[in-house]
């Protein structure tokens, strides 16, 4: 017989409260929030750059083609350089994060639009979704480019909302 009685989960409650406090801190201290975001973006960019190098090699082995591989190498190098800048020059990253995101979105979406044809042969629906998402990303990049302060505050707002959402979910989960 399985015991259906559920006990109070103190760990979820504490974690939930911490996430809510982090969300409030992100709103109350936008400069700290952007600095933390810059560090995470740096880590993500490094990981993406390394992954793209691996992906280039995998595509090359599968297709036997070297066509358009130069763009993947350039994308990898840009991602790795951006990752290093964000990790080791946090204040520099803080000062230009909106513009870097805008150019990064634009560059990455154009690159993906160029190399998405590799996926067309595998799955047409997947290819169509990639095209639509990359066009949306391109438009978002242009919007971010022309309104950098809005993009910074929107980014902070999204992060704070996400932290609040996780925190409230964990608090509810505790009961």
N, C-alpha and C. Protein backbone atom coordinates (compact mmCIF):
# COMPACT_ATOMS: atom_id res chain seq x y z
N UNK A 1 0.84 -1.17 0.00
CA UNK A 1 0.00 0.00 0.00
C UNK A 1 0.89 1.25 0.00
N UNK A 2 0.58 2.17 -0.85
CA UNK A 2 1.36 3.40 -0.97
C UNK A 2 0.75 4.47 -0.06
N UNK A 3 1.59 5.13 0.69
CA UNK A 3 1.14 6.20 1.58
C UNK A 3 0.94 7.46 0.76
N UNK A 4 -0.30 7.94 0.68
CA UNK A 4 -0.60 9.13 -0.12
C UNK A 4 -0.48 10.42 0.68
N UNK A 5 -0.14 10.30 1.96
CA UNK A 5 0.02 11.48 2.79
C UNK A 5 1.31 12.19 2.41
N UNK A 6 1.19 13.45 2.13
CA UNK A 6 2.33 14.24 1.70
C UNK A 6 2.80 15.11 2.86
N UNK A 7 4.10 15.16 3.07
CA UNK A 7 4.66 15.97 4.14
C UNK A 7 5.05 17.34 3.60
N UNK A 8 5.13 18.29 4.51
CA UNK A 8 5.55 19.63 4.15
C UNK A 8 7.01 19.60 3.68
N UNK A 9 7.29 20.29 2.58
CA UNK A 9 8.62 20.29 1.98
C UNK A 9 9.34 21.61 2.30
N UNK A 10 10.11 21.60 3.38
CA UNK A 10 10.82 22.80 3.81
C UNK A 10 11.84 23.26 2.78
N UNK A 11 12.49 22.32 2.12
CA UNK A 11 13.51 22.67 1.14
C UNK A 11 12.89 23.49 0.00
N UNK A 12 11.75 23.05 -0.51
CA UNK A 12 11.08 23.79 -1.58
C UNK A 12 10.65 25.18 -1.12
N UNK A 13 10.19 25.26 0.13
CA UNK A 13 9.79 26.55 0.67
C UNK A 13 10.98 27.52 0.73
N UNK A 14 12.10 27.06 1.25
CA UNK A 14 13.29 27.91 1.37
C UNK A 14 13.79 28.32 -0.02
N UNK A 15 13.87 27.35 -0.94
CA UNK A 15 14.31 27.66 -2.30
C UNK A 15 13.35 28.65 -2.97
N UNK A 16 12.06 28.44 -2.77
CA UNK A 16 11.06 29.35 -3.34
C UNK A 16 11.22 30.77 -2.83
N UNK A 17 11.42 30.90 -1.53
CA UNK A 17 11.62 32.23 -0.94
C UNK A 17 12.89 32.87 -1.50
N UNK A 18 13.95 32.09 -1.64
CA UNK A 18 15.21 32.62 -2.20
C UNK A 18 15.00 33.11 -3.64
N UNK A 19 14.26 32.35 -4.45
CA UNK A 19 14.02 32.77 -5.83
C UNK A 19 13.21 34.07 -5.87
N UNK A 20 12.21 34.21 -5.00
CA UNK A 20 11.41 35.43 -4.95
C UNK A 20 12.30 36.61 -4.53
N UNK A 21 13.18 36.40 -3.54
CA UNK A 21 14.11 37.45 -3.11
C UNK A 21 15.03 37.85 -4.27
N UNK A 22 15.53 36.86 -5.02
CA UNK A 22 16.38 37.17 -6.19
C UNK A 22 15.61 37.98 -7.24
N UNK A 23 14.34 37.65 -7.46
CA UNK A 23 13.52 38.41 -8.40
C UNK A 23 13.37 39.86 -7.95
N UNK A 24 13.11 40.05 -6.65
CA UNK A 24 12.99 41.40 -6.11
C UNK A 24 14.33 42.14 -6.23
N UNK A 25 15.43 41.43 -5.97
CA UNK A 25 16.76 42.05 -6.09
C UNK A 25 17.05 42.47 -7.53
N UNK A 26 16.60 41.69 -8.48
CA UNK A 26 16.82 42.04 -9.89
C UNK A 26 16.10 43.34 -10.23
N UNK A 27 14.90 43.53 -9.68
CA UNK A 27 14.15 44.76 -9.94
C UNK A 27 14.75 45.93 -9.18
N UNK A 28 15.17 45.70 -7.93
CA UNK A 28 15.70 46.78 -7.09
C UNK A 28 17.12 47.20 -7.47
N UNK A 29 17.89 46.32 -8.10
CA UNK A 29 19.26 46.64 -8.47
C UNK A 29 19.54 46.20 -9.91
N UNK A 30 19.06 46.98 -10.87
CA UNK A 30 19.22 46.59 -12.27
C UNK A 30 20.69 46.43 -12.70
N UNK A 31 21.59 47.25 -12.15
CA UNK A 31 23.00 47.14 -12.57
C UNK A 31 23.60 45.81 -12.13
N UNK A 32 23.26 45.37 -10.92
CA UNK A 32 23.74 44.06 -10.46
C UNK A 32 23.12 42.96 -11.30
N UNK A 33 21.83 43.10 -11.60
CA UNK A 33 21.15 42.08 -12.41
C UNK A 33 21.79 41.97 -13.79
N UNK A 34 22.11 43.10 -14.42
CA UNK A 34 22.74 43.06 -15.73
C UNK A 34 24.14 42.44 -15.64
N UNK A 35 24.87 42.73 -14.56
CA UNK A 35 26.20 42.12 -14.39
C UNK A 35 26.11 40.61 -14.27
N UNK A 36 25.15 40.13 -13.49
CA UNK A 36 24.96 38.69 -13.35
C UNK A 36 24.54 38.08 -14.69
N UNK A 37 23.64 38.75 -15.38
CA UNK A 37 23.21 38.28 -16.70
C UNK A 37 24.40 38.22 -17.65
N UNK A 38 25.27 39.24 -17.57
CA UNK A 38 26.45 39.26 -18.44
C UNK A 38 27.34 38.04 -18.21
N UNK A 39 27.50 37.64 -16.95
CA UNK A 39 28.31 36.45 -16.65
C UNK A 39 27.66 35.20 -17.24
N UNK A 40 26.35 35.06 -17.04
CA UNK A 40 25.67 33.89 -17.60
C UNK A 40 25.68 33.89 -19.13
N UNK A 41 25.56 35.06 -19.72
CA UNK A 41 25.64 35.16 -21.18
C UNK A 41 27.04 34.74 -21.64
N UNK A 42 28.06 35.15 -20.90
CA UNK A 42 29.43 34.75 -21.24
C UNK A 42 29.60 33.25 -21.22
N UNK A 43 29.09 32.61 -20.19
CA UNK A 43 29.17 31.15 -20.10
C UNK A 43 28.39 30.50 -21.24
N UNK A 44 27.20 31.02 -21.50
CA UNK A 44 26.39 30.48 -22.59
C UNK A 44 27.04 30.66 -23.95
N UNK A 45 27.65 31.81 -24.17
CA UNK A 45 28.31 32.08 -25.45
C UNK A 45 29.50 31.16 -25.66
N UNK A 46 30.28 30.95 -24.62
CA UNK A 46 31.41 30.01 -24.73
C UNK A 46 30.91 28.61 -25.07
N UNK A 47 29.88 28.17 -24.36
CA UNK A 47 29.33 26.84 -24.61
C UNK A 47 28.78 26.74 -26.03
N UNK A 48 28.08 27.79 -26.49
CA UNK A 48 27.53 27.77 -27.84
C UNK A 48 28.63 27.75 -28.90
N UNK A 49 29.68 28.51 -28.67
CA UNK A 49 30.79 28.51 -29.62
C UNK A 49 31.45 27.16 -29.75
N UNK A 50 31.66 26.51 -28.62
CA UNK A 50 32.26 25.17 -28.63
C UNK A 50 31.32 24.18 -29.30
N UNK A 51 30.01 24.28 -28.99
CA UNK A 51 29.03 23.38 -29.59
C UNK A 51 28.97 23.58 -31.11
N UNK A 52 29.01 24.83 -31.56
CA UNK A 52 28.94 25.09 -33.00
C UNK A 52 30.15 24.51 -33.72
N UNK A 53 31.32 24.57 -33.09
CA UNK A 53 32.49 23.92 -33.69
C UNK A 53 32.27 22.42 -33.82
N UNK A 54 31.70 21.82 -32.78
CA UNK A 54 31.40 20.39 -32.83
C UNK A 54 30.35 20.09 -33.90
N UNK A 55 29.30 20.94 -33.97
CA UNK A 55 28.24 20.76 -34.95
C UNK A 55 28.79 20.85 -36.37
N UNK A 56 29.69 21.80 -36.60
CA UNK A 56 30.30 21.94 -37.92
C UNK A 56 30.99 20.65 -38.32
N UNK A 57 31.73 20.09 -37.40
CA UNK A 57 32.44 18.83 -37.67
C UNK A 57 31.46 17.69 -37.94
N UNK A 58 30.38 17.63 -37.15
CA UNK A 58 29.38 16.57 -37.33
C UNK A 58 28.67 16.70 -38.68
N UNK A 59 28.31 17.92 -39.07
CA UNK A 59 27.66 18.14 -40.37
C UNK A 59 28.61 17.77 -41.49
N UNK A 60 29.86 18.15 -41.34
CA UNK A 60 30.87 17.86 -42.35
C UNK A 60 31.03 16.34 -42.51
N UNK A 61 31.03 15.61 -41.41
CA UNK A 61 31.19 14.15 -41.47
C UNK A 61 29.94 13.50 -42.08
N UNK A 62 28.74 14.02 -41.76
CA UNK A 62 27.51 13.44 -42.28
C UNK A 62 27.31 13.71 -43.77
N UNK A 63 27.61 14.94 -44.17
CA UNK A 63 27.33 15.33 -45.56
C UNK A 63 28.55 15.19 -46.47
N UNK A 64 29.72 15.19 -45.88
CA UNK A 64 30.94 15.16 -46.69
C UNK A 64 31.17 16.47 -47.41
N UNK A 65 30.42 17.49 -47.04
CA UNK A 65 30.49 18.78 -47.72
C UNK A 65 31.22 19.81 -46.86
N UNK A 66 32.00 20.64 -47.51
CA UNK A 66 32.66 21.75 -46.83
C UNK A 66 31.96 23.06 -47.11
N UNK A 67 30.87 23.02 -47.89
CA UNK A 67 30.20 24.25 -48.26
C UNK A 67 29.57 24.91 -47.03
N UNK A 68 29.75 26.17 -46.92
CA UNK A 68 29.21 27.01 -45.85
C UNK A 68 29.77 26.69 -44.47
N UNK A 69 30.81 25.90 -44.39
CA UNK A 69 31.42 25.59 -43.10
C UNK A 69 32.19 26.79 -42.55
N UNK A 70 32.65 27.66 -43.41
CA UNK A 70 33.37 28.85 -42.98
C UNK A 70 32.48 29.72 -42.10
N UNK A 71 31.19 29.83 -42.46
CA UNK A 71 30.27 30.62 -41.66
C UNK A 71 30.10 30.04 -40.26
N UNK A 72 30.08 28.73 -40.15
CA UNK A 72 29.97 28.11 -38.84
C UNK A 72 31.22 28.36 -38.00
N UNK A 73 32.38 28.33 -38.64
CA UNK A 73 33.62 28.62 -37.92
C UNK A 73 33.61 30.08 -37.43
N UNK A 74 33.21 30.99 -38.30
CA UNK A 74 33.13 32.41 -37.92
C UNK A 74 32.15 32.59 -36.76
N UNK A 75 30.99 31.94 -36.85
CA UNK A 75 30.01 32.02 -35.77
C UNK A 75 30.58 31.51 -34.46
N UNK A 76 31.31 30.41 -34.51
CA UNK A 76 31.93 29.85 -33.30
C UNK A 76 32.93 30.81 -32.69
N UNK A 77 33.77 31.39 -33.52
CA UNK A 77 34.79 32.32 -33.03
C UNK A 77 34.13 33.56 -32.42
N UNK A 78 33.09 34.09 -33.08
CA UNK A 78 32.38 35.25 -32.53
C UNK A 78 31.77 34.91 -31.18
N UNK A 79 31.13 33.75 -31.08
CA UNK A 79 30.53 33.35 -29.81
C UNK A 79 31.58 33.22 -28.71
N UNK A 80 32.69 32.61 -29.02
CA UNK A 80 33.75 32.42 -28.02
C UNK A 80 34.33 33.77 -27.59
N UNK A 81 34.58 34.67 -28.54
CA UNK A 81 35.10 36.00 -28.20
C UNK A 81 34.10 36.77 -27.34
N UNK A 82 32.81 36.74 -27.72
CA UNK A 82 31.78 37.40 -26.92
C UNK A 82 31.72 36.81 -25.51
N UNK A 83 31.83 35.49 -25.41
CA UNK A 83 31.82 34.84 -24.11
C UNK A 83 32.95 35.32 -23.23
N UNK A 84 34.14 35.42 -23.80
CA UNK A 84 35.31 35.89 -23.04
C UNK A 84 35.12 37.35 -22.62
N UNK A 85 34.61 38.18 -23.52
CA UNK A 85 34.39 39.59 -23.18
C UNK A 85 33.40 39.71 -22.03
N UNK A 86 32.28 38.99 -22.12
CA UNK A 86 31.27 39.08 -21.08
C UNK A 86 31.78 38.54 -19.74
N UNK A 87 32.63 37.54 -19.76
CA UNK A 87 33.12 36.96 -18.51
C UNK A 87 34.22 37.79 -17.85
N UNK A 88 35.10 38.37 -18.66
CA UNK A 88 36.26 39.04 -18.08
C UNK A 88 36.21 40.56 -18.12
N UNK A 89 35.26 41.11 -18.79
CA UNK A 89 35.06 42.57 -18.83
C UNK A 89 33.59 42.85 -18.55
N UNK A 90 33.16 42.52 -17.34
CA UNK A 90 31.74 42.60 -17.00
C UNK A 90 31.21 44.02 -17.19
N UNK A 91 31.97 45.03 -16.77
CA UNK A 91 31.49 46.41 -16.92
C UNK A 91 31.42 46.81 -18.39
N UNK A 92 32.34 46.32 -19.18
CA UNK A 92 32.28 46.54 -20.62
C UNK A 92 31.02 45.89 -21.17
N UNK A 93 30.78 44.65 -20.75
CA UNK A 93 29.57 43.93 -21.17
C UNK A 93 28.31 44.64 -20.72
N UNK A 94 28.36 45.20 -19.50
CA UNK A 94 27.23 45.95 -18.97
C UNK A 94 26.93 47.16 -19.86
N UNK A 95 27.98 47.84 -20.29
CA UNK A 95 27.80 49.05 -21.08
C UNK A 95 27.25 48.82 -22.47
N UNK A 96 27.53 47.66 -23.04
CA UNK A 96 27.12 47.43 -24.42
C UNK A 96 26.24 46.19 -24.60
N UNK A 97 25.71 45.68 -23.51
CA UNK A 97 24.96 44.42 -23.58
C UNK A 97 23.79 44.50 -24.56
N UNK A 98 23.09 45.60 -24.57
CA UNK A 98 21.94 45.72 -25.47
C UNK A 98 22.38 45.67 -26.93
N UNK A 99 23.45 46.41 -27.27
CA UNK A 99 23.93 46.40 -28.65
C UNK A 99 24.51 45.04 -29.04
N UNK A 100 25.26 44.45 -28.13
CA UNK A 100 25.82 43.13 -28.43
C UNK A 100 24.71 42.12 -28.66
N UNK A 101 23.68 42.16 -27.82
CA UNK A 101 22.56 41.24 -28.03
C UNK A 101 21.91 41.48 -29.38
N UNK A 102 21.71 42.74 -29.72
CA UNK A 102 21.08 43.06 -31.00
C UNK A 102 21.91 42.53 -32.17
N UNK A 103 23.20 42.86 -32.20
CA UNK A 103 24.05 42.39 -33.30
C UNK A 103 24.19 40.86 -33.28
N UNK A 104 24.26 40.30 -32.09
CA UNK A 104 24.37 38.85 -31.95
C UNK A 104 23.12 38.17 -32.51
N UNK A 105 21.93 38.69 -32.15
CA UNK A 105 20.69 38.12 -32.67
C UNK A 105 20.65 38.24 -34.19
N UNK A 106 21.02 39.40 -34.70
CA UNK A 106 20.98 39.62 -36.15
C UNK A 106 21.96 38.68 -36.86
N UNK A 107 23.20 38.64 -36.40
CA UNK A 107 24.21 37.80 -37.02
C UNK A 107 23.83 36.32 -36.95
N UNK A 108 23.42 35.88 -35.78
CA UNK A 108 23.10 34.47 -35.60
C UNK A 108 21.87 34.06 -36.42
N UNK A 109 20.87 34.91 -36.49
CA UNK A 109 19.68 34.54 -37.27
C UNK A 109 19.99 34.51 -38.76
N UNK A 110 20.82 35.42 -39.25
CA UNK A 110 21.21 35.39 -40.67
C UNK A 110 22.02 34.13 -40.94
N UNK A 111 22.95 33.80 -40.07
CA UNK A 111 23.74 32.59 -40.23
C UNK A 111 22.84 31.36 -40.26
N UNK A 112 21.90 31.29 -39.33
CA UNK A 112 21.00 30.13 -39.28
C UNK A 112 20.13 30.05 -40.52
N UNK A 113 19.70 31.19 -41.04
CA UNK A 113 18.92 31.17 -42.28
C UNK A 113 19.74 30.62 -43.44
N UNK A 114 21.05 30.87 -43.42
CA UNK A 114 21.93 30.37 -44.48
C UNK A 114 22.17 28.87 -44.35
N UNK A 115 22.35 28.37 -43.13
CA UNK A 115 22.70 26.96 -42.95
C UNK A 115 21.51 26.05 -42.65
N UNK A 116 20.31 26.61 -42.51
CA UNK A 116 19.14 25.79 -42.20
C UNK A 116 18.81 24.78 -43.29
N UNK A 117 19.32 24.98 -44.48
CA UNK A 117 19.01 24.05 -45.57
C UNK A 117 19.50 22.63 -45.28
N UNK A 118 20.45 22.48 -44.35
CA UNK A 118 20.91 21.15 -43.97
C UNK A 118 19.77 20.35 -43.32
N UNK A 119 18.86 21.06 -42.67
CA UNK A 119 17.76 20.40 -41.98
C UNK A 119 16.57 20.12 -42.90
N UNK A 120 16.55 20.76 -44.06
CA UNK A 120 15.43 20.60 -44.97
C UNK A 120 15.28 19.15 -45.43
N UNK A 121 16.38 18.48 -45.69
CA UNK A 121 16.33 17.10 -46.16
C UNK A 121 15.90 16.14 -45.04
N UNK A 122 16.18 16.51 -43.80
CA UNK A 122 15.85 15.63 -42.68
C UNK A 122 14.37 15.69 -42.31
N UNK A 123 13.83 16.93 -42.20
CA UNK A 123 12.46 17.08 -41.74
C UNK A 123 11.94 18.44 -42.21
N UNK A 124 11.02 18.43 -43.15
CA UNK A 124 10.51 19.67 -43.74
C UNK A 124 9.82 20.55 -42.69
N UNK A 125 9.05 19.94 -41.78
CA UNK A 125 8.35 20.72 -40.74
C UNK A 125 9.35 21.42 -39.83
N UNK A 126 10.39 20.71 -39.45
CA UNK A 126 11.43 21.28 -38.60
C UNK A 126 12.10 22.44 -39.32
N UNK A 127 12.38 22.26 -40.60
CA UNK A 127 12.99 23.31 -41.42
C UNK A 127 12.10 24.55 -41.44
N UNK A 128 10.80 24.37 -41.67
CA UNK A 128 9.87 25.50 -41.72
C UNK A 128 9.82 26.25 -40.39
N UNK A 129 9.80 25.50 -39.29
CA UNK A 129 9.80 26.13 -37.97
C UNK A 129 11.08 26.93 -37.75
N UNK A 130 12.21 26.36 -38.16
CA UNK A 130 13.49 27.07 -38.02
C UNK A 130 13.49 28.38 -38.81
N UNK A 131 12.97 28.34 -40.01
CA UNK A 131 12.93 29.55 -40.84
C UNK A 131 12.09 30.63 -40.15
N UNK A 132 10.90 30.27 -39.68
CA UNK A 132 10.03 31.24 -39.01
C UNK A 132 10.70 31.80 -37.76
N UNK A 133 11.26 30.93 -36.92
CA UNK A 133 11.91 31.38 -35.69
C UNK A 133 13.12 32.27 -35.97
N UNK A 134 13.87 31.96 -37.01
CA UNK A 134 15.04 32.79 -37.34
C UNK A 134 14.63 34.14 -37.91
N UNK A 135 13.54 34.21 -38.63
CA UNK A 135 13.04 35.50 -39.11
C UNK A 135 12.56 36.34 -37.94
N UNK A 136 11.85 35.72 -36.98
CA UNK A 136 11.42 36.43 -35.78
C UNK A 136 12.63 36.94 -35.00
N UNK A 137 13.66 36.11 -34.87
CA UNK A 137 14.88 36.52 -34.17
C UNK A 137 15.56 37.68 -34.89
N UNK A 138 15.57 37.67 -36.20
CA UNK A 138 16.15 38.77 -36.97
C UNK A 138 15.40 40.07 -36.71
N UNK A 139 14.08 40.01 -36.72
CA UNK A 139 13.26 41.20 -36.45
C UNK A 139 13.51 41.69 -35.02
N UNK A 140 13.55 40.77 -34.06
CA UNK A 140 13.83 41.14 -32.67
C UNK A 140 15.20 41.81 -32.55
N UNK A 141 16.19 41.30 -33.25
CA UNK A 141 17.52 41.91 -33.24
C UNK A 141 17.51 43.35 -33.73
N UNK A 142 16.75 43.61 -34.78
CA UNK A 142 16.65 44.97 -35.33
C UNK A 142 15.94 45.88 -34.32
N UNK A 143 14.88 45.39 -33.68
CA UNK A 143 14.18 46.17 -32.67
C UNK A 143 15.12 46.49 -31.50
N UNK A 144 15.88 45.51 -31.04
CA UNK A 144 16.83 45.74 -29.95
C UNK A 144 17.90 46.74 -30.34
N UNK A 145 18.32 46.73 -31.57
CA UNK A 145 19.36 47.64 -32.04
C UNK A 145 18.92 49.10 -31.95
N UNK A 146 17.65 49.36 -32.22
CA UNK A 146 17.18 50.73 -32.24
C UNK A 146 16.59 51.21 -30.91
N UNK A 147 16.47 50.33 -29.93
CA UNK A 147 15.96 50.73 -28.63
C UNK A 147 16.69 49.97 -27.52
N UNK A 148 17.98 50.29 -27.31
CA UNK A 148 18.79 49.50 -26.38
C UNK A 148 18.36 49.59 -24.92
N UNK A 149 17.94 50.75 -24.44
CA UNK A 149 17.53 50.86 -23.04
C UNK A 149 16.26 50.05 -22.77
N UNK A 150 15.35 50.07 -23.70
CA UNK A 150 14.14 49.26 -23.57
C UNK A 150 14.50 47.78 -23.50
N UNK A 151 15.47 47.39 -24.31
CA UNK A 151 15.85 45.98 -24.30
C UNK A 151 16.51 45.58 -22.98
N UNK A 152 17.31 46.48 -22.38
CA UNK A 152 17.93 46.17 -21.09
C UNK A 152 16.86 46.02 -20.01
N UNK A 153 15.93 46.97 -19.94
CA UNK A 153 14.90 46.89 -18.91
C UNK A 153 13.93 45.74 -19.16
N UNK A 154 13.68 45.44 -20.41
CA UNK A 154 12.85 44.27 -20.72
C UNK A 154 13.55 43.00 -20.29
N UNK A 155 14.85 42.92 -20.55
CA UNK A 155 15.63 41.75 -20.14
C UNK A 155 15.59 41.57 -18.63
N UNK A 156 15.76 42.66 -17.89
CA UNK A 156 15.70 42.59 -16.43
C UNK A 156 14.30 42.17 -15.98
N UNK A 157 13.28 42.73 -16.62
CA UNK A 157 11.91 42.38 -16.27
C UNK A 157 11.60 40.91 -16.52
N UNK A 158 12.08 40.38 -17.64
CA UNK A 158 11.85 38.97 -17.95
C UNK A 158 12.56 38.08 -16.94
N UNK A 159 13.79 38.42 -16.60
CA UNK A 159 14.54 37.65 -15.62
C UNK A 159 13.84 37.70 -14.26
N UNK A 160 13.41 38.88 -13.83
CA UNK A 160 12.72 39.02 -12.54
C UNK A 160 11.42 38.22 -12.55
N UNK A 161 10.65 38.33 -13.62
CA UNK A 161 9.40 37.57 -13.73
C UNK A 161 9.65 36.07 -13.62
N UNK A 162 10.68 35.61 -14.33
CA UNK A 162 11.03 34.19 -14.30
C UNK A 162 11.42 33.76 -12.88
N UNK A 163 12.21 34.57 -12.19
CA UNK A 163 12.61 34.25 -10.82
C UNK A 163 11.40 34.21 -9.89
N UNK A 164 10.49 35.19 -10.03
CA UNK A 164 9.26 35.19 -9.24
C UNK A 164 8.43 33.94 -9.52
N UNK A 165 8.30 33.61 -10.79
CA UNK A 165 7.50 32.44 -11.19
C UNK A 165 8.05 31.15 -10.59
N UNK A 166 9.36 30.97 -10.68
CA UNK A 166 9.99 29.78 -10.10
C UNK A 166 9.78 29.78 -8.58
N UNK A 167 9.99 30.93 -7.95
CA UNK A 167 9.84 31.02 -6.51
C UNK A 167 8.44 30.69 -6.04
N UNK A 168 7.45 31.26 -6.69
CA UNK A 168 6.06 30.99 -6.32
C UNK A 168 5.72 29.52 -6.55
N UNK A 169 6.21 28.96 -7.64
CA UNK A 169 5.97 27.54 -7.93
C UNK A 169 6.57 26.67 -6.82
N UNK A 170 7.78 26.98 -6.40
CA UNK A 170 8.43 26.20 -5.34
C UNK A 170 7.69 26.36 -4.01
N UNK A 171 7.23 27.56 -3.70
CA UNK A 171 6.48 27.79 -2.46
C UNK A 171 5.18 26.97 -2.48
N UNK A 172 4.48 26.99 -3.59
CA UNK A 172 3.26 26.18 -3.72
C UNK A 172 3.58 24.70 -3.60
N UNK A 173 4.69 24.30 -4.21
CA UNK A 173 5.12 22.89 -4.17
C UNK A 173 5.43 22.44 -2.74
N UNK A 174 5.83 23.36 -1.88
CA UNK A 174 6.18 23.02 -0.49
C UNK A 174 4.95 22.52 0.28
N UNK A 175 3.79 23.03 -0.09
CA UNK A 175 2.58 22.64 0.63
C UNK A 175 1.98 21.47 -0.07
